[in-house]
């Protein structure tokens, strides 16, 4: 069951900042602030914000991969992908040794 959102008036940001800060850090859930009864802002911890960005980036990359998969007929096995990755890593290591 989803948690009930924490909705507070924007004036609480000024008057009860410590309570809001403690809430977003303890629960990792955002606080929704209203102005004149309408949504105005969302406050969340930096950790929750970074996690949200990370998850959004993953989602976008998965959508891009789905789009590419739908537009290309060729498929690779796990072994083919791993062999290619090992070759790339090996080539980069060889180049670094050549630069030393």
PDB file of N, CA and C in Angstrom:
ATOM      1  N   UNK A   1       0.829  -1.180   0.000  1.00  0.00           N
ATOM      2  CA  UNK A   1       0.000   0.000   0.000  1.00  0.00           C
ATOM      3  C   UNK A   1       0.875   1.245   0.000  1.00  0.00           C
ATOM      4  N   UNK A   2       0.687   2.166  -0.961  1.00  0.00           N
ATOM      5  CA  UNK A   2       1.532   3.353  -1.030  1.00  0.00           C
ATOM      6  C   UNK A   2       1.341   4.246   0.192  1.00  0.00           C
ATOM      7  N   UNK A   3       2.415   4.903   0.563  1.00  0.00           N
ATOM      8  CA  UNK A   3       2.364   5.813   1.706  1.00  0.00           C
ATOM      9  C   UNK A   3       1.516   7.036   1.365  1.00  0.00           C
ATOM     10  N   UNK A   4       0.870   7.572   2.369  1.00  0.00           N
ATOM     11  CA  UNK A   4       0.079   8.792   2.190  1.00  0.00           C
ATOM     12  C   UNK A   4       1.062   9.941   2.008  1.00  0.00           C
ATOM     13  N   UNK A   5       0.877  10.767   0.962  1.00  0.00           N
ATOM     14  CA  UNK A   5       1.827  11.862   0.738  1.00  0.00           C
ATOM     15  C   UNK A   5       1.782  12.890   1.868  1.00  0.00           C
ATOM     16  N   UNK A   6       2.930  13.448   2.163  1.00  0.00           N
ATOM     17  CA  UNK A   6       3.056  14.478   3.173  1.00  0.00           C
ATOM     18  C   UNK A   6       2.821  15.823   2.481  1.00  0.00           C
ATOM     19  N   UNK A   7       1.660  16.421   2.727  1.00  0.00           N
ATOM     20  CA  UNK A   7       1.277  17.683   2.088  1.00  0.00           C
ATOM     21  C   UNK A   7       1.164  18.741   3.171  1.00  0.00           C
ATOM     22  N   UNK A   8       1.874  19.868   2.941  1.00  0.00           N
ATOM     23  CA  UNK A   8       1.889  20.940   3.938  1.00  0.00           C
ATOM     24  C   UNK A   8       1.815  22.281   3.224  1.00  0.00           C
ATOM     25  N   UNK A   9       1.361  23.304   3.926  1.00  0.00           N
ATOM     26  CA  UNK A   9       1.358  24.645   3.327  1.00  0.00           C
ATOM     27  C   UNK A   9       2.788  25.161   3.182  1.00  0.00           C
ATOM     28  N   UNK A  10       3.022  25.966   2.160  1.00  0.00           N
ATOM     29  CA  UNK A  10       4.369  26.476   1.906  1.00  0.00           C
ATOM     30  C   UNK A  10       4.880  27.308   3.085  1.00  0.00           C
ATOM     31  N   UNK A  11       3.986  27.879   3.858  1.00  0.00           N
ATOM     32  CA  UNK A  11       4.413  28.661   5.027  1.00  0.00           C
ATOM     33  C   UNK A  11       5.172  27.790   6.032  1.00  0.00           C
ATOM     34  N   UNK A  12       4.906  26.465   6.037  1.00  0.00           N
ATOM     35  CA  UNK A  12       5.642  25.561   6.929  1.00  0.00           C
ATOM     36  C   UNK A  12       7.127  25.509   6.592  1.00  0.00           C
ATOM     37  N   UNK A  13       7.470  25.836   5.358  1.00  0.00           N
ATOM     38  CA  UNK A  13       8.886  25.836   4.981  1.00  0.00           C
ATOM     39  C   UNK A  13       9.640  26.869   5.812  1.00  0.00           C
ATOM     40  N   UNK A  14       9.001  27.986   6.075  1.00  0.00           N
ATOM     41  CA  UNK A  14       9.611  29.036   6.883  1.00  0.00           C
ATOM     42  C   UNK A  14       9.427  28.754   8.371  1.00  0.00           C
ATOM     43  N   UNK A  15       8.209  28.371   8.751  1.00  0.00           N
ATOM     44  CA  UNK A  15       7.873  28.248  10.171  1.00  0.00           C
ATOM     45  C   UNK A  15       8.271  26.916  10.802  1.00  0.00           C
ATOM     46  N   UNK A  16       8.355  25.856  10.001  1.00  0.00           N
ATOM     47  CA  UNK A  16       8.647  24.527  10.541  1.00  0.00           C
ATOM     48  C   UNK A  16       9.696  23.813   9.703  1.00  0.00           C
ATOM     49  N   UNK A  17      10.724  24.561   9.308  1.00  0.00           N
ATOM     50  CA  UNK A  17      11.768  24.021   8.439  1.00  0.00           C
ATOM     51  C   UNK A  17      12.397  22.758   9.034  1.00  0.00           C
ATOM     52  N   UNK A  18      12.689  22.788  10.338  1.00  0.00           N
ATOM     53  CA  UNK A  18      13.344  21.651  10.984  1.00  0.00           C
ATOM     54  C   UNK A  18      12.490  20.395  10.874  1.00  0.00           C
ATOM     55  N   UNK A  19      11.184  20.531  11.054  1.00  0.00           N
ATOM     56  CA  UNK A  19      10.280  19.380  10.938  1.00  0.00           C
ATOM     57  C   UNK A  19      10.284  18.823   9.518  1.00  0.00           C
ATOM     58  N   UNK A  20      10.248  19.703   8.534  1.00  0.00           N
ATOM     59  CA  UNK A  20      10.248  19.268   7.133  1.00  0.00           C
ATOM     60  C   UNK A  20      11.561  18.576   6.802  1.00  0.00           C
ATOM     61  N   UNK A  21      12.672  19.169   7.227  1.00  0.00           N
ATOM     62  CA  UNK A  21      13.985  18.582   6.968  1.00  0.00           C
ATOM     63  C   UNK A  21      14.082  17.193   7.583  1.00  0.00           C
ATOM     64  N   UNK A  22      13.656  17.064   8.828  1.00  0.00           N
ATOM     65  CA  UNK A  22      13.702  15.759   9.500  1.00  0.00           C
ATOM     66  C   UNK A  22      12.818  14.751   8.753  1.00  0.00           C
ATOM     67  N   UNK A  23      11.655  15.182   8.318  1.00  0.00           N
ATOM     68  CA  UNK A  23      10.724  14.298   7.620  1.00  0.00           C
ATOM     69  C   UNK A  23      11.320  13.757   6.323  1.00  0.00           C
ATOM     70  N   UNK A  24      11.898  14.630   5.499  1.00  0.00           N
ATOM     71  CA  UNK A  24      12.422  14.164   4.203  1.00  0.00           C
ATOM     72  C   UNK A  24      13.644  13.275   4.374  1.00  0.00           C
ATOM     73  N   UNK A  25      14.420  13.497   5.429  1.00  0.00           N
ATOM     74  CA  UNK A  25      15.609  12.674   5.648  1.00  0.00           C
ATOM     75  C   UNK A  25      15.278  11.334   6.294  1.00  0.00           C
ATOM     76  N   UNK A  26      14.313  11.318   7.191  1.00  0.00           N
ATOM     77  CA  UNK A  26      13.961  10.068   7.863  1.00  0.00           C
ATOM     78  C   UNK A  26      13.154   9.138   6.967  1.00  0.00           C
ATOM     79  N   UNK A  27      12.293   9.701   6.133  1.00  0.00           N
ATOM     80  CA  UNK A  27      11.394   8.852   5.343  1.00  0.00           C
ATOM     81  C   UNK A  27      11.859   8.656   3.905  1.00  0.00           C
ATOM     82  N   UNK A  28      12.789   9.461   3.436  1.00  0.00           N
ATOM     83  CA  UNK A  28      13.199   9.467   2.028  1.00  0.00           C
ATOM     84  C   UNK A  28      12.020   9.742   1.093  1.00  0.00           C
ATOM     85  N   UNK A  29      10.935  10.270   1.652  1.00  0.00           N
ATOM     86  CA  UNK A  29       9.758  10.632   0.852  1.00  0.00           C
ATOM     87  C   UNK A  29       9.694  12.151   0.749  1.00  0.00           C
ATOM     88  N   UNK A  30       9.234  12.661  -0.377  1.00  0.00           N
ATOM     89  CA  UNK A  30       9.152  14.117  -0.525  1.00  0.00           C
ATOM     90  C   UNK A  30       8.018  14.713   0.301  1.00  0.00           C
ATOM     91  N   UNK A  31       8.126  16.007   0.559  1.00  0.00           N
ATOM     92  CA  UNK A  31       7.048  16.780   1.167  1.00  0.00           C
ATOM     93  C   UNK A  31       6.514  17.694   0.073  1.00  0.00           C
ATOM     94  N   UNK A  32       5.210  17.639  -0.129  1.00  0.00           N
ATOM     95  CA  UNK A  32       4.555  18.469  -1.137  1.00  0.00           C
ATOM     96  C   UNK A  32       4.046  19.729  -0.459  1.00  0.00           C
ATOM     97  N   UNK A  33       4.427  20.873  -1.000  1.00  0.00           N
ATOM     98  CA  UNK A  33       4.036  22.153  -0.414  1.00  0.00           C
ATOM     99  C   UNK A  33       2.961  22.818  -1.280  1.00  0.00           C
ATOM    100  N   UNK A  34       1.965  23.368  -0.598  1.00  0.00           N
ATOM    101  CA  UNK A  34       0.866  24.018  -1.302  1.00  0.00           C
ATOM    102  C   UNK A  34       0.871  25.514  -1.032  1.00  0.00           C
ATOM    103  N   UNK A  35       0.346  26.253  -1.992  1.00  0.00           N
ATOM    104  CA  UNK A  35       0.188  27.690  -1.857  1.00  0.00           C
ATOM    105  C   UNK A  35      -1.241  28.007  -2.276  1.00  0.00           C
ATOM    106  N   UNK A  36      -1.996  28.610  -1.390  1.00  0.00           N
ATOM    107  CA  UNK A  36      -3.415  28.900  -1.634  1.00  0.00           C
ATOM    108  C   UNK A  36      -4.183  27.638  -2.022  1.00  0.00           C
ATOM    109  N   UNK A  37      -3.844  26.514  -1.379  1.00  0.00           N
ATOM    110  CA  UNK A  37      -4.558  25.266  -1.594  1.00  0.00           C
ATOM    111  C   UNK A  37      -4.179  24.498  -2.849  1.00  0.00           C
ATOM    112  N   UNK A  38      -3.187  24.982  -3.582  1.00  0.00           N
ATOM    113  CA  UNK A  38      -2.754  24.313  -4.817  1.00  0.00           C
ATOM    114  C   UNK A  38      -1.293  23.910  -4.701  1.00  0.00           C
ATOM    115  N   UNK A  39      -0.928  22.815  -5.387  1.00  0.00           N
ATOM    116  CA  UNK A  39       0.465  22.366  -5.371  1.00  0.00           C
ATOM    117  C   UNK A  39       1.403  23.450  -5.868  1.00  0.00           C
ATOM    118  N   UNK A  40       2.519  23.628  -5.176  1.00  0.00           N
ATOM    119  CA  UNK A  40       3.472  24.680  -5.541  1.00  0.00           C
ATOM    120  C   UNK A  40       4.900  24.156  -5.653  1.00  0.00           C
ATOM    121  N   UNK A  41       5.346  23.334  -4.685  1.00  0.00           N
ATOM    122  CA  UNK A  41       6.724  22.854  -4.663  1.00  0.00           C
ATOM    123  C   UNK A  41       6.794  21.471  -4.049  1.00  0.00           C
ATOM    124  N   UNK A  42       7.933  20.818  -4.293  1.00  0.00           N
ATOM    125  CA  UNK A  42       8.236  19.535  -3.664  1.00  0.00           C
ATOM    126  C   UNK A  42       9.608  19.670  -3.025  1.00  0.00           C
ATOM    127  N   UNK A  43       9.719  19.221  -1.790  1.00  0.00           N
ATOM    128  CA  UNK A  43      10.999  19.243  -1.079  1.00  0.00           C
ATOM    129  C   UNK A  43      11.390  17.796  -0.800  1.00  0.00           C
ATOM    130  N   UNK A  44      12.651  17.462  -1.123  1.00  0.00           N
ATOM    131  CA  UNK A  44      13.143  16.105  -0.845  1.00  0.00           C
ATOM    132  C   UNK A  44      14.608  16.180  -0.456  1.00  0.00           C
ATOM    133  N   UNK A  45      15.088  15.114   0.166  1.00  0.00           N
ATOM    134  CA  UNK A  45      16.490  15.065   0.561  1.00  0.00           C
ATOM    135  C   UNK A  45      17.362  14.958  -0.692  1.00  0.00           C
ATOM    136  N   UNK A  46      18.600  15.347  -0.563  1.00  0.00           N
ATOM    137  CA  UNK A  46      19.539  15.245  -1.668  1.00  0.00           C
ATOM    138  C   UNK A  46      19.710  13.792  -2.096  1.00  0.00           C
ATOM    139  N   UNK A  47      19.757  12.880  -1.130  1.00  0.00           N
ATOM    140  CA  UNK A  47      19.901  11.456  -1.443  1.00  0.00           C
ATOM    141  C   UNK A  47      18.719  10.951  -2.265  1.00  0.00           C
ATOM    142  N   UNK A  48      17.504  11.336  -1.871  1.00  0.00           N
ATOM    143  CA  UNK A  48      16.312  10.914  -2.610  1.00  0.00           C
ATOM    144  C   UNK A  48      16.308  11.524  -4.010  1.00  0.00           C
ATOM    145  N   UNK A  49      16.747  12.773  -4.123  1.00  0.00           N
ATOM    146  CA  UNK A  49      16.815  13.436  -5.431  1.00  0.00           C
ATOM    147  C   UNK A  49      17.805  12.714  -6.348  1.00  0.00           C
ATOM    148  N   UNK A  50      18.993  12.395  -5.827  1.00  0.00           N
ATOM    149  CA  UNK A  50      20.000  11.696  -6.629  1.00  0.00           C
ATOM    150  C   UNK A  50      19.512  10.306  -7.034  1.00  0.00           C
ATOM    151  N   UNK A  51      18.830   9.606  -6.137  1.00  0.00           N
ATOM    152  CA  UNK A  51      18.280   8.292  -6.457  1.00  0.00           C
ATOM    153  C   UNK A  51      17.240   8.411  -7.565  1.00  0.00           C
ATOM    154  N   UNK A  52      16.417   9.452  -7.484  1.00  0.00           N
ATOM    155  CA  UNK A  52      15.405   9.691  -8.509  1.00  0.00           C
ATOM    156  C   UNK A  52      16.054   9.956  -9.864  1.00  0.00           C
ATOM    157  N   UNK A  53      17.119  10.754  -9.881  1.00  0.00           N
ATOM    158  CA  UNK A  53      17.843  11.016 -11.131  1.00  0.00           C
ATOM    159  C   UNK A  53      18.430   9.730 -11.699  1.00  0.00           C
ATOM    160  N   UNK A  54      19.028   8.925 -10.838  1.00  0.00           N
ATOM    161  CA  UNK A  54      19.628   7.655 -11.249  1.00  0.00           C
ATOM    162  C   UNK A  54      18.581   6.741 -11.873  1.00  0.00           C
ATOM    163  N   UNK A  55      17.437   6.598 -11.201  1.00  0.00           N
ATOM    164  CA  UNK A  55      16.375   5.738 -11.716  1.00  0.00           C
ATOM    165  C   UNK A  55      15.815   6.268 -13.036  1.00  0.00           C
ATOM    166  N   UNK A  56      15.709   7.585 -13.162  1.00  0.00           N
ATOM    167  CA  UNK A  56      15.225   8.176 -14.412  1.00  0.00           C
ATOM    168  C   UNK A  56      16.198   7.897 -15.551  1.00  0.00           C
ATOM    169  N   UNK A  57      17.494   7.987 -15.261  1.00  0.00           N
ATOM    170  CA  UNK A  57      18.506   7.716 -16.282  1.00  0.00           C
ATOM    171  C   UNK A  57      18.442   6.258 -16.730  1.00  0.00           C
ATOM    172  N   UNK A  58      18.294   5.353 -15.781  1.00  0.00           N
ATOM    173  CA  UNK A  58      18.175   3.931 -16.118  1.00  0.00           C
ATOM    174  C   UNK A  58      16.938   3.701 -16.979  1.00  0.00           C
ATOM    175  N   UNK A  59      15.823   4.294 -16.597  1.00  0.00           N
ATOM    176  CA  UNK A  59      14.578   4.140 -17.355  1.00  0.00           C
ATOM    177  C   UNK A  59      14.767   4.624 -18.790  1.00  0.00           C
ATOM    178  N   UNK A  60      15.398   5.788 -18.960  1.00  0.00           N
ATOM    179  CA  UNK A  60      15.621   6.320 -20.307  1.00  0.00           C
ATOM    180  C   UNK A  60      16.524   5.402 -21.129  1.00  0.00           C
ATOM    181  N   UNK A  61      17.556   4.855 -20.498  1.00  0.00           N
ATOM    182  CA  UNK A  61      18.457   3.945 -21.213  1.00  0.00           C
ATOM    183  C   UNK A  61      17.738   2.657 -21.609  1.00  0.00           C
ATOM    184  N   UNK A  62      16.869   2.166 -20.745  1.00  0.00           N
ATOM    185  CA  UNK A  62      16.095   0.974 -21.086  1.00  0.00           C
ATOM    186  C   UNK A  62      15.131   1.255 -22.237  1.00  0.00           C
ATOM    187  N   UNK A  63      14.499   2.420 -22.223  1.00  0.00           N
ATOM    188  CA  UNK A  63      13.594   2.783 -23.326  1.00  0.00           C
ATOM    189  C   UNK A  63      14.375   2.897 -24.634  1.00  0.00           C
ATOM    190  N   UNK A  64      15.572   3.469 -24.575  1.00  0.00           N
ATOM    191  CA  UNK A  64      16.409   3.581 -25.767  1.00  0.00           C
ATOM    192  C   UNK A  64      16.795   2.189 -26.279  1.00  0.00           C
ATOM    193  N   UNK A  65      17.149   1.302 -25.364  1.00  0.00           N
ATOM    194  CA  UNK A  65      17.518  -0.070 -25.748  1.00  0.00           C
ATOM    195  C   UNK A  65      16.327  -0.792 -26.380  1.00  0.00           C
ATOM    196  N   UNK A  66      15.133  -0.592 -25.828  1.00  0.00           N
ATOM    197  CA  UNK A  66      13.937  -1.204 -26.408  1.00  0.00           C
ATOM    198  C   UNK A  66      13.700  -0.683 -27.824  1.00  0.00           C
ATOM    199  N   UNK A  67      13.880   0.612 -28.010  1.00  0.00           N
ATOM    200  CA  UNK A  67      13.696   1.212 -29.329  1.00  0.00           C
ATOM    201  C   UNK A  67      14.706   0.632 -30.322  1.00  0.00           C
ATOM    202  N   UNK A  68      15.970   0.546 -29.911  1.00  0.00           N
ATOM    203  CA  UNK A  68      17.002  -0.014 -30.779  1.00  0.00           C
ATOM    204  C   UNK A  68      16.715  -1.477 -31.086  1.00  0.00           C
ATOM    205  N   UNK A  69      16.296  -2.235 -30.086  1.00  0.00           N
ATOM    206  CA  UNK A  69      16.008  -3.658 -30.286  1.00  0.00           C
ATOM    207  C   UNK A  69      14.863  -3.834 -31.277  1.00  0.00           C
ATOM    208  N   UNK A  70      13.893  -2.938 -31.228  1.00  0.00           N
ATOM    209  CA  UNK A  70      12.755  -3.042 -32.148  1.00  0.00           C
ATOM    210  C   UNK A  70      13.138  -2.674 -33.578  1.00  0.00           C
ATOM    211  N   UNK A  71      14.212  -1.904 -33.743  1.00  0.00           N
ATOM    212  CA  UNK A  71      14.587  -1.437 -35.076  1.00  0.00           C
ATOM    213  C   UNK A  71      15.695  -2.267 -35.729  1.00  0.00           C
ATOM    214  N   UNK A  72      16.248  -3.257 -35.004  1.00  0.00           N
ATOM    215  CA  UNK A  72      17.342  -4.077 -35.518  1.00  0.00           C
ATOM    216  C   UNK A  72      16.976  -5.555 -35.383  1.00  0.00           C
ATOM    217  N   UNK A  73      17.260  -6.310 -36.418  1.00  0.00           N
ATOM    218  CA  UNK A  73      16.921  -7.742 -36.395  1.00  0.00           C
ATOM    219  C   UNK A  73      18.013  -8.590 -35.733  1.00  0.00           C
ATOM    220  N   UNK A  74      19.280  -8.157 -35.822  1.00  0.00           N
ATOM    221  CA  UNK A  74      20.410  -8.930 -35.307  1.00  0.00           C
ATOM    222  C   UNK A  74      20.358  -9.003 -33.779  1.00  0.00           C
ATOM    223  N   UNK A  75      20.585 -10.183 -33.243  1.00  0.00           N
ATOM    224  CA  UNK A  75      20.638 -10.401 -31.802  1.00  0.00           C
ATOM    225  C   UNK A  75      21.977 -11.047 -31.458  1.00  0.00           C
ATOM    226  N   UNK A  76      22.481 -10.749 -30.271  1.00  0.00           N
ATOM    227  CA  UNK A  76      23.755 -11.287 -29.823  1.00  0.00           C
ATOM    228  C   UNK A  76      23.536 -12.164 -28.609  1.00  0.00           C
ATOM    229  N   UNK A  77      24.315 -13.226 -28.511  1.00  0.00           N
ATOM    230  CA  UNK A  77      24.255 -14.080 -27.336  1.00  0.00           C
ATOM    231  C   UNK A  77      25.076 -13.451 -26.221  1.00  0.00           C
ATOM    232  N   UNK A  78      24.889 -13.946 -25.037  1.00  0.00           N
ATOM    233  CA  UNK A  78      25.665 -13.484 -23.887  1.00  0.00           C
ATOM    234  C   UNK A  78      27.154 -13.685 -24.145  1.00  0.00           C
ATOM    235  N   UNK A  79      27.515 -14.845 -24.664  1.00  0.00           N
ATOM    236  CA  UNK A  79      28.933 -15.137 -24.926  1.00  0.00           C
ATOM    237  C   UNK A  79      29.520 -14.168 -25.944  1.00  0.00           C
ATOM    238  N   UNK A  80      28.766 -13.824 -26.989  1.00  0.00           N
ATOM    239  CA  UNK A  80      29.260 -12.872 -27.999  1.00  0.00           C
ATOM    240  C   UNK A  80      29.503 -11.499 -27.379  1.00  0.00           C
ATOM    241  N   UNK A  81      28.578 -11.054 -26.553  1.00  0.00           N
ATOM    242  CA  UNK A  81      28.723  -9.742 -25.911  1.00  0.00           C
ATOM    243  C   UNK A  81      29.923  -9.738 -24.972  1.00  0.00           C
ATOM    244  N   UNK A  82      30.047 -10.775 -24.144  1.00  0.00           N
ATOM    245  CA  UNK A  82      31.152 -10.831 -23.196  1.00  0.00           C
ATOM    246  C   UNK A  82      32.503 -10.922 -23.898  1.00  0.00           C
ATOM    247  N   UNK A  83      32.587 -11.675 -24.977  1.00  0.00           N
ATOM    248  CA  UNK A  83      33.832 -11.774 -25.746  1.00  0.00           C
ATOM    249  C   UNK A  83      34.215 -10.412 -26.299  1.00  0.00           C
ATOM    250  N   UNK A  84      33.243  -9.702 -26.844  1.00  0.00           N
ATOM    251  CA  UNK A  84      33.523  -8.371 -27.400  1.00  0.00           C
ATOM    252  C   UNK A  84      33.970  -7.402 -26.307  1.00  0.00           C
ATOM    253  N   UNK A  85      33.323  -7.437 -25.155  1.00  0.00           N
ATOM    254  CA  UNK A  85      33.726  -6.568 -24.045  1.00  0.00           C
ATOM    255  C   UNK A  85      35.136  -6.893 -23.571  1.00  0.00           C
ATOM    256  N   UNK A  86      35.456  -8.172 -23.469  1.00  0.00           N
ATOM    257  CA  UNK A  86      36.817  -8.557 -23.057  1.00  0.00           C
ATOM    258  C   UNK A  86      37.847  -8.065 -24.065  1.00  0.00           C
ATOM    259  N   UNK A  87      37.530  -8.140 -25.366  1.00  0.00           N
ATOM    260  CA  UNK A  87      38.443  -7.645 -26.401  1.00  0.00           C
ATOM    261  C   UNK A  87      38.658  -6.148 -26.265  1.00  0.00           C
ATOM    262  N   UNK A  88      37.596  -5.405 -26.024  1.00  0.00           N
ATOM    263  CA  UNK A  88      37.707  -3.948 -25.867  1.00  0.00           C
ATOM    264  C   UNK A  88      38.564  -3.608 -24.663  1.00  0.00           C
ATOM    265  N   UNK A  89      38.329  -4.289 -23.540  1.00  0.00           N
ATOM    266  CA  UNK A  89      39.116  -4.043 -22.328  1.00  0.00           C
ATOM    267  C   UNK A  89      40.574  -4.385 -22.557  1.00  0.00           C
ATOM    268  N   UNK A  90      40.832  -5.485 -23.217  1.00  0.00           N
ATOM    269  CA  UNK A  90      42.197  -5.901 -23.504  1.00  0.00           C
ATOM    270  C   UNK A  90      42.917  -4.874 -24.381  1.00  0.00           C
ATOM    271  N   UNK A  91      42.208  -4.363 -25.401  1.00  0.00           N
ATOM    272  CA  UNK A  91      42.805  -3.348 -26.281  1.00  0.00           C
ATOM    273  C   UNK A  91      43.138  -2.082 -25.507  1.00  0.00           C
ATOM    274  N   UNK A  92      42.254  -1.666 -24.604  1.00  0.00           N
ATOM    275  CA  UNK A  92      42.510  -0.445 -23.815  1.00  0.00           C
ATOM    276  C   UNK A  92      43.698  -0.645 -22.889  1.00  0.00           C
ATOM    277  N   UNK A  93      43.816  -1.821 -22.295  1.00  0.00           N
ATOM    278  CA  UNK A  93      44.965  -2.100 -21.421  1.00  0.00           C
ATOM    279  C   UNK A  93      46.251  -2.074 -22.221  1.00  0.00           C
ATOM    280  N   UNK A  94      46.220  -2.639 -23.417  1.00  0.00           N
ATOM    281  CA  UNK A  94      47.406  -2.649 -24.274  1.00  0.00           C
ATOM    282  C   UNK A  94      47.828  -1.229 -24.647  1.00  0.00           C
ATOM    283  N   UNK A  95      46.855  -0.378 -24.952  1.00  0.00           N
ATOM    284  CA  UNK A  95      47.172   1.017 -25.297  1.00  0.00           C
ATOM    285  C   UNK A  95      47.764   1.759 -24.117  1.00  0.00           C
ATOM    286  N   UNK A  96      47.258   1.490 -22.913  1.00  0.00           N
ATOM    287  CA  UNK A  96      47.794   2.155 -21.714  1.00  0.00           C
ATOM    288  C   UNK A  96      49.234   1.731 -21.458  1.00  0.00           C
ATOM    289  N   UNK A  97      49.512   0.457 -21.671  1.00  0.00           N
ATOM    290  CA  UNK A  97      50.885  -0.027 -21.480  1.00  0.00           C
ATOM    291  C   UNK A  97      51.819   0.636 -22.474  1.00  0.00           C
ATOM    292  N   UNK A  98      51.318   0.865 -23.697  1.00  0.00           N
ATOM    293  CA  UNK A  98      52.130   1.514 -24.736  1.00  0.00           C
ATOM    294  C   UNK A  98      52.416   2.969 -24.422  1.00  0.00           C
ATOM    295  N   UNK A  99      51.527   3.610 -23.632  1.00  0.00           N
ATOM    296  CA  UNK A  99      51.717   5.008 -23.242  1.00  0.00           C
ATOM    297  C   UNK A  99      52.657   5.164 -22.052  1.00  0.00           C
ATOM    298  N   UNK A 100      52.843   4.105 -21.281  1.00  0.00           N
ATOM    299  CA  UNK A 100      53.678   4.186 -20.064  1.00  0.00           C
ATOM    300  C   UNK A 100      55.134   4.287 -20.383  1.00  0.00           C
TER     301      UNK A 100
END
